[in-house]
PDB file of N, CA and C in Angstrom:
ATOM      1  N   UNK A   1     235.030 -30.852 266.774  1.00  0.00           N
ATOM      2  CA  UNK A   1     236.611 -30.719 267.045  1.00  0.00           C
ATOM      3  C   UNK A   1     237.116 -30.821 268.131  1.00  0.00           C
ATOM      4  N   UNK A   2     237.786 -31.575 268.720  1.00  0.00           N
ATOM      5  CA  UNK A   2     238.537 -31.138 270.033  1.00  0.00           C
ATOM      6  C   UNK A   2     239.841 -30.945 270.205  1.00  0.00           C
ATOM      7  N   UNK A   3     239.920 -29.438 270.702  1.00  0.00           N
ATOM      8  CA  UNK A   3     241.109 -28.671 271.171  1.00  0.00           C
ATOM      9  C   UNK A   3     241.919 -29.471 271.777  1.00  0.00           C
ATOM     10  N   UNK A   4     241.699 -30.125 272.506  1.00  0.00           N
ATOM     11  CA  UNK A   4     242.475 -30.758 273.839  1.00  0.00           C
ATOM     12  C   UNK A   4     243.158 -31.976 272.988  1.00  0.00           C
ATOM     13  N   UNK A   5     242.640 -32.717 272.004  1.00  0.00           N
ATOM     14  CA  UNK A   5     243.568 -33.627 271.319  1.00  0.00           C
ATOM     15  C   UNK A   5     244.553 -32.969 270.659  1.00  0.00           C
ATOM     16  N   UNK A   6     244.264 -31.822 269.990  1.00  0.00           N
ATOM     17  CA  UNK A   6     245.304 -30.664 268.961  1.00  0.00           C
ATOM     18  C   UNK A   6     246.598 -30.439 270.157  1.00  0.00           C
ATOM     19  N   UNK A   7     246.224 -30.138 270.953  1.00  0.00           N
ATOM     20  CA  UNK A   7     246.864 -29.442 271.948  1.00  0.00           C
ATOM     21  C   UNK A   7     247.821 -30.815 272.689  1.00  0.00           C
ATOM     22  N   UNK A   8     247.389 -31.831 272.775  1.00  0.00           N
ATOM     23  CA  UNK A   8     248.189 -33.172 273.451  1.00  0.00           C
ATOM     24  C   UNK A   8     248.961 -33.562 272.004  1.00  0.00           C
ATOM     25  N   UNK A   9     248.910 -33.302 270.912  1.00  0.00           N
ATOM     26  CA  UNK A   9     249.542 -33.983 269.787  1.00  0.00           C
ATOM     27  C   UNK A   9     250.669 -32.767 269.392  1.00  0.00           C
ATOM     28  N   UNK A  10     250.273 -31.785 269.809  1.00  0.00           N
ATOM     29  CA  UNK A  10     251.402 -30.519 269.531  1.00  0.00           C
ATOM     30  C   UNK A  10     252.332 -30.763 270.755  1.00  0.00           C
ATOM     31  N   UNK A  11     252.106 -31.152 271.651  1.00  0.00           N
ATOM     32  CA  UNK A  11     252.966 -30.971 273.089  1.00  0.00           C
ATOM     33  C   UNK A  11     253.843 -32.256 272.596  1.00  0.00           C
ATOM     34  N   UNK A  12     253.424 -33.367 272.286  1.00  0.00           N
ATOM     35  CA  UNK A  12     254.150 -34.493 271.723  1.00  0.00           C
ATOM     36  C   UNK A  12     255.476 -34.042 270.630  1.00  0.00           C
ATOM     37  N   UNK A  13     254.942 -33.140 269.746  1.00  0.00           N
ATOM     38  CA  UNK A  13     255.929 -32.878 268.321  1.00  0.00           C
ATOM     39  C   UNK A  13     257.005 -31.566 269.146  1.00  0.00           C
ATOM     40  N   UNK A  14     256.485 -30.902 270.058  1.00  0.00           N
ATOM     41  CA  UNK A  14     257.240 -30.331 270.565  1.00  0.00           C
ATOM     42  C   UNK A  14     258.251 -31.059 271.351  1.00  0.00           C
ATOM     43  N   UNK A  15     258.110 -32.033 272.092  1.00  0.00           N
ATOM     44  CA  UNK A  15     258.801 -32.713 273.016  1.00  0.00           C
ATOM     45  C   UNK A  15     259.587 -33.249 272.064  1.00  0.00           C
ATOM     46  N   UNK A  16     259.436 -33.830 270.927  1.00  0.00           N
ATOM     47  CA  UNK A  16     260.530 -34.433 270.219  1.00  0.00           C
ATOM     48  C   UNK A  16     261.241 -33.454 269.468  1.00  0.00           C
ATOM     49  N   UNK A  17     260.751 -32.257 269.268  1.00  0.00           N
ATOM     50  CA  UNK A  17     261.717 -31.233 268.745  1.00  0.00           C
ATOM     51  C   UNK A  17     262.905 -30.962 270.018  1.00  0.00           C
ATOM     52  N   UNK A  18     262.829 -30.892 270.915  1.00  0.00           N
ATOM     53  CA  UNK A  18     263.391 -29.964 272.225  1.00  0.00           C
ATOM     54  C   UNK A  18     264.501 -31.443 272.419  1.00  0.00           C
ATOM     55  N   UNK A  19     263.960 -32.840 272.311  1.00  0.00           N
ATOM     56  CA  UNK A  19     265.113 -33.920 272.572  1.00  0.00           C
ATOM     57  C   UNK A  19     265.772 -33.947 271.346  1.00  0.00           C
ATOM     58  N   UNK A  20     265.609 -33.803 269.965  1.00  0.00           N
ATOM     59  CA  UNK A  20     266.618 -33.755 269.043  1.00  0.00           C
ATOM     60  C   UNK A  20     267.730 -32.172 269.390  1.00  0.00           C
ATOM     61  N   UNK A  21     266.983 -31.217 269.390  1.00  0.00           N
ATOM     62  CA  UNK A  21     267.892 -30.345 269.607  1.00  0.00           C
ATOM     63  C   UNK A  21     268.720 -30.515 271.028  1.00  0.00           C
ATOM     64  N   UNK A  22     268.422 -31.054 272.064  1.00  0.00           N
ATOM     65  CA  UNK A  22     269.390 -31.290 273.136  1.00  0.00           C
ATOM     66  C   UNK A  22     270.248 -32.393 272.727  1.00  0.00           C
ATOM     67  N   UNK A  23     269.891 -33.290 271.804  1.00  0.00           N
ATOM     68  CA  UNK A  23     270.884 -34.218 271.434  1.00  0.00           C
ATOM     69  C   UNK A  23     271.642 -33.916 270.649  1.00  0.00           C
ATOM     70  N   UNK A  24     271.424 -33.019 269.829  1.00  0.00           N
ATOM     71  CA  UNK A  24     272.400 -32.046 268.652  1.00  0.00           C
ATOM     72  C   UNK A  24     273.296 -31.381 269.457  1.00  0.00           C
ATOM     73  N   UNK A  25     273.095 -30.470 270.665  1.00  0.00           N
ATOM     74  CA  UNK A  25     273.774 -29.828 271.357  1.00  0.00           C
ATOM     75  C   UNK A  25     274.952 -30.683 272.171  1.00  0.00           C
ATOM     76  N   UNK A  26     274.719 -31.746 272.645  1.00  0.00           N
ATOM     77  CA  UNK A  26     275.254 -32.736 273.122  1.00  0.00           C
ATOM     78  C   UNK A  26     276.255 -33.066 272.492  1.00  0.00           C
ATOM     79  N   UNK A  27     276.151 -33.285 270.923  1.00  0.00           N
ATOM     80  CA  UNK A  27     277.194 -33.702 270.056  1.00  0.00           C
ATOM     81  C   UNK A  27     278.073 -32.860 269.674  1.00  0.00           C
ATOM     82  N   UNK A  28     277.453 -31.538 269.161  1.00  0.00           N
ATOM     83  CA  UNK A  28     278.306 -30.796 268.423  1.00  0.00           C
ATOM     84  C   UNK A  28     278.558 -29.627 269.361  1.00  0.00           C
ATOM     85  N   UNK A  29     277.796 -29.318 270.546  1.00  0.00           N
ATOM     86  CA  UNK A  29     278.331 -28.217 271.145  1.00  0.00           C
ATOM     87  C   UNK A  29     277.419 -26.701 270.856  1.00  0.00           C
ATOM     88  N   UNK A  30     276.407 -27.152 270.116  1.00  0.00           N
ATOM     89  CA  UNK A  30     275.470 -26.056 269.447  1.00  0.00           C
ATOM     90  C   UNK A  30     274.505 -26.639 268.826  1.00  0.00           C
ATOM     91  N   UNK A  31     273.344 -25.581 268.985  1.00  0.00           N
ATOM     92  CA  UNK A  31     271.764 -26.389 268.707  1.00  0.00           C
ATOM     93  C   UNK A  31     271.634 -26.416 267.426  1.00  0.00           C
ATOM     94  N   UNK A  32     272.389 -25.860 266.500  1.00  0.00           N
ATOM     95  CA  UNK A  32     272.357 -25.950 264.636  1.00  0.00           C
ATOM     96  C   UNK A  32     273.418 -25.553 263.871  1.00  0.00           C
ATOM     97  N   UNK A  33     273.224 -25.523 262.812  1.00  0.00           N
ATOM     98  CA  UNK A  33     274.615 -24.897 262.098  1.00  0.00           C
ATOM     99  C   UNK A  33     275.190 -23.857 262.604  1.00  0.00           C
ATOM    100  N   UNK A  34     275.811 -23.268 262.252  1.00  0.00           N
ATOM    101  CA  UNK A  34     276.717 -22.250 262.789  1.00  0.00           C
ATOM    102  C   UNK A  34     276.373 -21.093 261.541  1.00  0.00           C
ATOM    103  N   UNK A  35     276.549 -19.888 262.186  1.00  0.00           N
ATOM    104  CA  UNK A  35     276.295 -18.912 261.211  1.00  0.00           C
ATOM    105  C   UNK A  35     277.808 -18.668 260.481  1.00  0.00           C
ATOM    106  N   UNK A  36     277.893 -18.490 259.678  1.00  0.00           N
ATOM    107  CA  UNK A  36     279.129 -18.096 258.726  1.00  0.00           C
ATOM    108  C   UNK A  36     279.117 -16.979 257.862  1.00  0.00           C
ATOM    109  N   UNK A  37     280.467 -16.520 257.839  1.00  0.00           N
ATOM    110  CA  UNK A  37     280.139 -14.858 257.043  1.00  0.00           C
ATOM    111  C   UNK A  37     281.292 -15.312 256.147  1.00  0.00           C
ATOM    112  N   UNK A  38     280.872 -15.037 254.537  1.00  0.00           N
ATOM    113  CA  UNK A  38     281.723 -14.907 253.787  1.00  0.00           C
ATOM    114  C   UNK A  38     281.931 -13.972 252.906  1.00  0.00           C
ATOM    115  N   UNK A  39     283.291 -13.328 252.960  1.00  0.00           N
ATOM    116  CA  UNK A  39     283.400 -12.105 252.394  1.00  0.00           C
ATOM    117  C   UNK A  39     284.124 -12.435 250.800  1.00  0.00           C
ATOM    118  N   UNK A  40     283.251 -11.737 249.663  1.00  0.00           N
ATOM    119  CA  UNK A  40     283.890 -11.694 248.530  1.00  0.00           C
ATOM    120  C   UNK A  40     285.496 -11.123 248.203  1.00  0.00           C
ATOM    121  N   UNK A  41     285.910 -11.444 247.234  1.00  0.00           N
ATOM    122  CA  UNK A  41     287.204 -10.957 246.584  1.00  0.00           C
ATOM    123  C   UNK A  41     287.115  -9.486 246.220  1.00  0.00           C
ATOM    124  N   UNK A  42     285.866  -9.089 245.843  1.00  0.00           N
ATOM    125  CA  UNK A  42     285.832  -7.706 245.818  1.00  0.00           C
ATOM    126  C   UNK A  42     285.955  -7.048 247.103  1.00  0.00           C
ATOM    127  N   UNK A  43     285.207  -7.305 247.991  1.00  0.00           N
ATOM    128  CA  UNK A  43     285.268  -6.758 249.140  1.00  0.00           C
ATOM    129  C   UNK A  43     286.320  -6.758 250.397  1.00  0.00           C
ATOM    130  N   UNK A  44     287.248  -7.806 249.722  1.00  0.00           N
ATOM    131  CA  UNK A  44     288.433  -7.699 250.617  1.00  0.00           C
ATOM    132  C   UNK A  44     289.272  -6.510 249.880  1.00  0.00           C
ATOM    133  N   UNK A  45     289.263  -6.392 248.327  1.00  0.00           N
ATOM    134  CA  UNK A  45     289.984  -6.043 247.792  1.00  0.00           C
ATOM    135  C   UNK A  45     289.496  -4.366 248.047  1.00  0.00           C
ATOM    136  N   UNK A  46     288.546  -4.518 248.351  1.00  0.00           N
ATOM    137  CA  UNK A  46     287.772  -2.659 248.933  1.00  0.00           C
ATOM    138  C   UNK A  46     288.581  -2.290 250.252  1.00  0.00           C
ATOM    139  N   UNK A  47     288.743  -3.523 251.019  1.00  0.00           N
ATOM    140  CA  UNK A  47     289.347  -3.294 252.626  1.00  0.00           C
ATOM    141  C   UNK A  47     290.391  -3.052 252.276  1.00  0.00           C
ATOM    142  N   UNK A  48     291.514  -3.442 251.760  1.00  0.00           N
ATOM    143  CA  UNK A  48     292.926  -3.218 251.234  1.00  0.00           C
ATOM    144  C   UNK A  48     293.118  -1.980 250.957  1.00  0.00           C
ATOM    145  N   UNK A  49     292.418  -1.558 250.085  1.00  0.00           N
ATOM    146  CA  UNK A  49     292.125  -0.366 249.569  1.00  0.00           C
ATOM    147  C   UNK A  49     292.048   0.362 250.547  1.00  0.00           C
ATOM    148  N   UNK A  50     291.140   0.818 250.884  1.00  0.00           N
ATOM    149  CA  UNK A  50     290.396   1.588 252.135  1.00  0.00           C
ATOM    150  C   UNK A  50     291.472   1.383 253.175  1.00  0.00           C
ATOM    151  N   UNK A  51     292.211   0.806 253.431  1.00  0.00           N
ATOM    152  CA  UNK A  51     293.456   0.775 254.499  1.00  0.00           C
ATOM    153  C   UNK A  51     294.411   1.539 253.970  1.00  0.00           C
ATOM    154  N   UNK A  52     294.791   1.515 252.836  1.00  0.00           N
ATOM    155  CA  UNK A  52     296.018   1.991 252.315  1.00  0.00           C
ATOM    156  C   UNK A  52     295.577   3.477 252.434  1.00  0.00           C
ATOM    157  N   UNK A  53     294.051   3.945 251.791  1.00  0.00           N
ATOM    158  CA  UNK A  53     293.859   5.410 251.684  1.00  0.00           C
ATOM    159  C   UNK A  53     294.015   5.770 253.223  1.00  0.00           C
ATOM    160  N   UNK A  54     293.427   5.122 254.113  1.00  0.00           N
ATOM    161  CA  UNK A  54     293.721   5.563 255.390  1.00  0.00           C
ATOM    162  C   UNK A  54     294.882   5.872 255.967  1.00  0.00           C
ATOM    163  N   UNK A  55     295.820   5.129 255.724  1.00  0.00           N
ATOM    164  CA  UNK A  55     297.162   5.268 255.828  1.00  0.00           C
ATOM    165  C   UNK A  55     298.095   6.587 255.247  1.00  0.00           C
ATOM    166  N   UNK A  56     297.322   6.687 254.280  1.00  0.00           N
ATOM    167  CA  UNK A  56     298.450   8.047 253.216  1.00  0.00           C
ATOM    168  C   UNK A  56     297.900   9.304 253.742  1.00  0.00           C
ATOM    169  N   UNK A  57     298.868  10.614 253.581  1.00  0.00           N
ATOM    170  CA  UNK A  57     298.501  11.554 254.011  1.00  0.00           C
ATOM    171  C   UNK A  57     297.741  12.220 253.283  1.00  0.00           C
ATOM    172  N   UNK A  58     296.747  13.428 254.093  1.00  0.00           N
ATOM    173  CA  UNK A  58     296.227  14.058 252.905  1.00  0.00           C
ATOM    174  C   UNK A  58     296.915  14.939 252.246  1.00  0.00           C
ATOM    175  N   UNK A  59     297.841  15.600 252.845  1.00  0.00           N
ATOM    176  CA  UNK A  59     298.868  16.550 251.967  1.00  0.00           C
ATOM    177  C   UNK A  59     300.076  16.434 251.821  1.00  0.00           C
ATOM    178  N   UNK A  60     300.426  16.216 250.306  1.00  0.00           N
ATOM    179  CA  UNK A  60     302.039  16.157 250.268  1.00  0.00           C
ATOM    180  C   UNK A  60     302.621  17.212 250.555  1.00  0.00           C
ATOM    181  N   UNK A  61     303.177  16.968 251.876  1.00  0.00           N
ATOM    182  CA  UNK A  61     304.376  18.125 252.254  1.00  0.00           C
ATOM    183  C   UNK A  61     305.329  18.624 251.270  1.00  0.00           C
ATOM    184  N   UNK A  62     305.939  17.409 250.377  1.00  0.00           N
ATOM    185  CA  UNK A  62     307.104  17.930 249.869  1.00  0.00           C
ATOM    186  C   UNK A  62     306.491  18.611 248.600  1.00  0.00           C
ATOM    187  N   UNK A  63     305.402  18.357 247.811  1.00  0.00           N
ATOM    188  CA  UNK A  63     305.129  19.563 246.527  1.00  0.00           C
ATOM    189  C   UNK A  63     304.432  20.966 247.226  1.00  0.00           C
ATOM    190  N   UNK A  64     304.037  20.772 248.492  1.00  0.00           N
ATOM    191  CA  UNK A  64     303.682  22.172 249.031  1.00  0.00           C
ATOM    192  C   UNK A  64     304.451  22.940 249.432  1.00  0.00           C
ATOM    193  N   UNK A  65     305.481  22.373 249.990  1.00  0.00           N
ATOM    194  CA  UNK A  65     306.860  23.038 250.559  1.00  0.00           C
ATOM    195  C   UNK A  65     307.563  23.800 249.242  1.00  0.00           C
ATOM    196  N   UNK A  66     307.393  22.841 247.832  1.00  0.00           N
ATOM    197  CA  UNK A  66     308.095  23.134 246.744  1.00  0.00           C
ATOM    198  C   UNK A  66     307.624  24.506 246.586  1.00  0.00           C
ATOM    199  N   UNK A  67     306.305  24.471 246.283  1.00  0.00           N
ATOM    200  CA  UNK A  67     305.301  25.874 245.723  1.00  0.00           C
ATOM    201  C   UNK A  67     305.636  26.744 246.565  1.00  0.00           C
ATOM    202  N   UNK A  68     305.558  26.518 247.935  1.00  0.00           N
ATOM    203  CA  UNK A  68     305.868  27.717 248.492  1.00  0.00           C
ATOM    204  C   UNK A  68     306.876  28.508 248.474  1.00  0.00           C
ATOM    205  N   UNK A  69     307.938  27.912 248.579  1.00  0.00           N
ATOM    206  CA  UNK A  69     309.523  28.110 248.313  1.00  0.00           C
ATOM    207  C   UNK A  69     309.479  29.096 246.578  1.00  0.00           C
ATOM    208  N   UNK A  70     308.729  28.599 245.548  1.00  0.00           N
ATOM    209  CA  UNK A  70     308.620  29.304 244.549  1.00  0.00           C
ATOM    210  C   UNK A  70     308.121  30.428 244.495  1.00  0.00           C
ATOM    211  N   UNK A  71     306.999  30.286 245.527  1.00  0.00           N
ATOM    212  CA  UNK A  71     306.016  31.647 245.545  1.00  0.00           C
ATOM    213  C   UNK A  71     306.654  32.678 246.176  1.00  0.00           C
ATOM    214  N   UNK A  72     307.485  32.331 247.459  1.00  0.00           N
ATOM    215  CA  UNK A  72     308.428  33.169 248.094  1.00  0.00           C
ATOM    216  C   UNK A  72     309.243  34.058 247.266  1.00  0.00           C
ATOM    217  N   UNK A  73     310.050  32.926 246.338  1.00  0.00           N
ATOM    218  CA  UNK A  73     311.325  33.824 245.896  1.00  0.00           C
ATOM    219  C   UNK A  73     311.036  34.410 244.532  1.00  0.00           C
ATOM    220  N   UNK A  74     309.536  34.475 243.883  1.00  0.00           N
ATOM    221  CA  UNK A  74     308.931  34.607 243.056  1.00  0.00           C
ATOM    222  C   UNK A  74     309.305  33.794 241.669  1.00  0.00           C
ATOM    223  N   UNK A  75     309.619  33.017 241.814  1.00  0.00           N
ATOM    224  CA  UNK A  75     310.464  31.841 240.462  1.00  0.00           C
ATOM    225  C   UNK A  75     309.201  30.986 240.066  1.00  0.00           C
ATOM    226  N   UNK A  76     307.839  31.127 240.661  1.00  0.00           N
ATOM    227  CA  UNK A  76     306.602  30.508 239.983  1.00  0.00           C
ATOM    228  C   UNK A  76     305.925  31.416 239.003  1.00  0.00           C
ATOM    229  N   UNK A  77     306.007  30.765 238.006  1.00  0.00           N
ATOM    230  CA  UNK A  77     305.176  31.291 236.689  1.00  0.00           C
ATOM    231  C   UNK A  77     304.310  30.706 236.352  1.00  0.00           C
ATOM    232  N   UNK A  78     302.802  31.081 235.468  1.00  0.00           N
ATOM    233  CA  UNK A  78     301.935  30.532 235.115  1.00  0.00           C
ATOM    234  C   UNK A  78     302.044  30.698 233.996  1.00  0.00           C
ATOM    235  N   UNK A  79     302.000  29.745 232.751  1.00  0.00           N
ATOM    236  CA  UNK A  79     301.979  29.707 231.228  1.00  0.00           C
ATOM    237  C   UNK A  79     300.410  30.486 230.964  1.00  0.00           C
ATOM    238  N   UNK A  80     300.315  31.460 230.618  1.00  0.00           N
ATOM    239  CA  UNK A  80     299.043  31.905 230.290  1.00  0.00           C
ATOM    240  C   UNK A  80     298.078  31.014 229.298  1.00  0.00           C
ATOM    241  N   UNK A  81     298.688  30.753 228.119  1.00  0.00           N
ATOM    242  CA  UNK A  81     297.810  29.711 227.300  1.00  0.00           C
ATOM    243  C   UNK A  81     297.342  28.583 227.878  1.00  0.00           C
ATOM    244  N   UNK A  82     298.128  27.543 228.510  1.00  0.00           N
ATOM    245  CA  UNK A  82     297.918  26.655 229.421  1.00  0.00           C
ATOM    246  C   UNK A  82     296.688  26.835 230.471  1.00  0.00           C
ATOM    247  N   UNK A  83     297.140  27.993 231.272  1.00  0.00           N
ATOM    248  CA  UNK A  83     295.703  28.525 232.039  1.00  0.00           C
ATOM    249  C   UNK A  83     294.260  28.538 231.337  1.00  0.00           C
ATOM    250  N   UNK A  84     294.416  29.413 230.148  1.00  0.00           N
ATOM    251  CA  UNK A  84     293.291  29.706 229.140  1.00  0.00           C
ATOM    252  C   UNK A  84     292.795  28.465 228.735  1.00  0.00           C
ATOM    253  N   UNK A  85     293.698  27.499 227.995  1.00  0.00           N
ATOM    254  CA  UNK A  85     292.882  25.984 227.999  1.00  0.00           C
ATOM    255  C   UNK A  85     292.317  24.949 228.618  1.00  0.00           C
ATOM    256  N   UNK A  86     292.794  25.325 230.158  1.00  0.00           N
ATOM    257  CA  UNK A  86     292.586  24.394 231.200  1.00  0.00           C
ATOM    258  C   UNK A  86     291.208  25.197 231.532  1.00  0.00           C
ATOM    259  N   UNK A  87     290.767  26.414 231.431  1.00  0.00           N
ATOM    260  CA  UNK A  87     289.629  27.229 232.085  1.00  0.00           C
ATOM    261  C   UNK A  87     288.780  26.819 230.799  1.00  0.00           C
ATOM    262  N   UNK A  88     289.087  26.920 229.136  1.00  0.00           N
ATOM    263  CA  UNK A  88     287.862  26.394 228.807  1.00  0.00           C
ATOM    264  C   UNK A  88     287.478  25.135 228.740  1.00  0.00           C
ATOM    265  N   UNK A  89     288.540  24.146 228.772  1.00  0.00           N
ATOM    266  CA  UNK A  89     288.259  22.745 229.177  1.00  0.00           C
ATOM    267  C   UNK A  89     287.089  22.519 230.071  1.00  0.00           C
ATOM    268  N   UNK A  90     287.395  23.327 231.119  1.00  0.00           N
ATOM    269  CA  UNK A  90     286.575  22.930 232.263  1.00  0.00           C
ATOM    270  C   UNK A  90     285.283  23.682 232.030  1.00  0.00           C
ATOM    271  N   UNK A  91     285.425  25.012 231.303  1.00  0.00           N
ATOM    272  CA  UNK A  91     283.900  25.416 231.076  1.00  0.00           C
ATOM    273  C   UNK A  91     283.027  24.600 229.923  1.00  0.00           C
ATOM    274  N   UNK A  92     283.584  24.063 228.885  1.00  0.00           N
ATOM    275  CA  UNK A  92     283.052  23.078 228.067  1.00  0.00           C
ATOM    276  C   UNK A  92     282.639  21.792 228.723  1.00  0.00           C
ATOM    277  N   UNK A  93     283.057  21.233 229.307  1.00  0.00           N
ATOM    278  CA  UNK A  93     282.602  20.189 230.210  1.00  0.00           C
ATOM    279  C   UNK A  93     281.130  20.698 231.119  1.00  0.00           C
ATOM    280  N   UNK A  94     281.263  21.929 231.604  1.00  0.00           N
ATOM    281  CA  UNK A  94     280.012  21.915 232.262  1.00  0.00           C
ATOM    282  C   UNK A  94     278.916  22.226 231.224  1.00  0.00           C
ATOM    283  N   UNK A  95     279.060  22.797 230.253  1.00  0.00           N
ATOM    284  CA  UNK A  95     278.012  23.022 229.372  1.00  0.00           C
ATOM    285  C   UNK A  95     277.543  21.589 228.812  1.00  0.00           C
TER     286      UNK A  95
END
């Protein structure tokens, strides 16, 4: 087997590939097909939701102010039955 013949053939094919690539670049301005990015509708929805959450405040100042006012003037009352029901509900969810 002659390695020289293989190298010569390989060089011919590489030259043709290079010539084709150069011709394609001259026509289109790029060496091949352009990369594309496609974002699914779910991805777009996620992005919109993420922006909405990022723009929202973490603390609802109006509710905190109402609660502070009720605690300060003594008008905040907790219904014992509601508290016990919620406590049991949370306990049963753990078990």
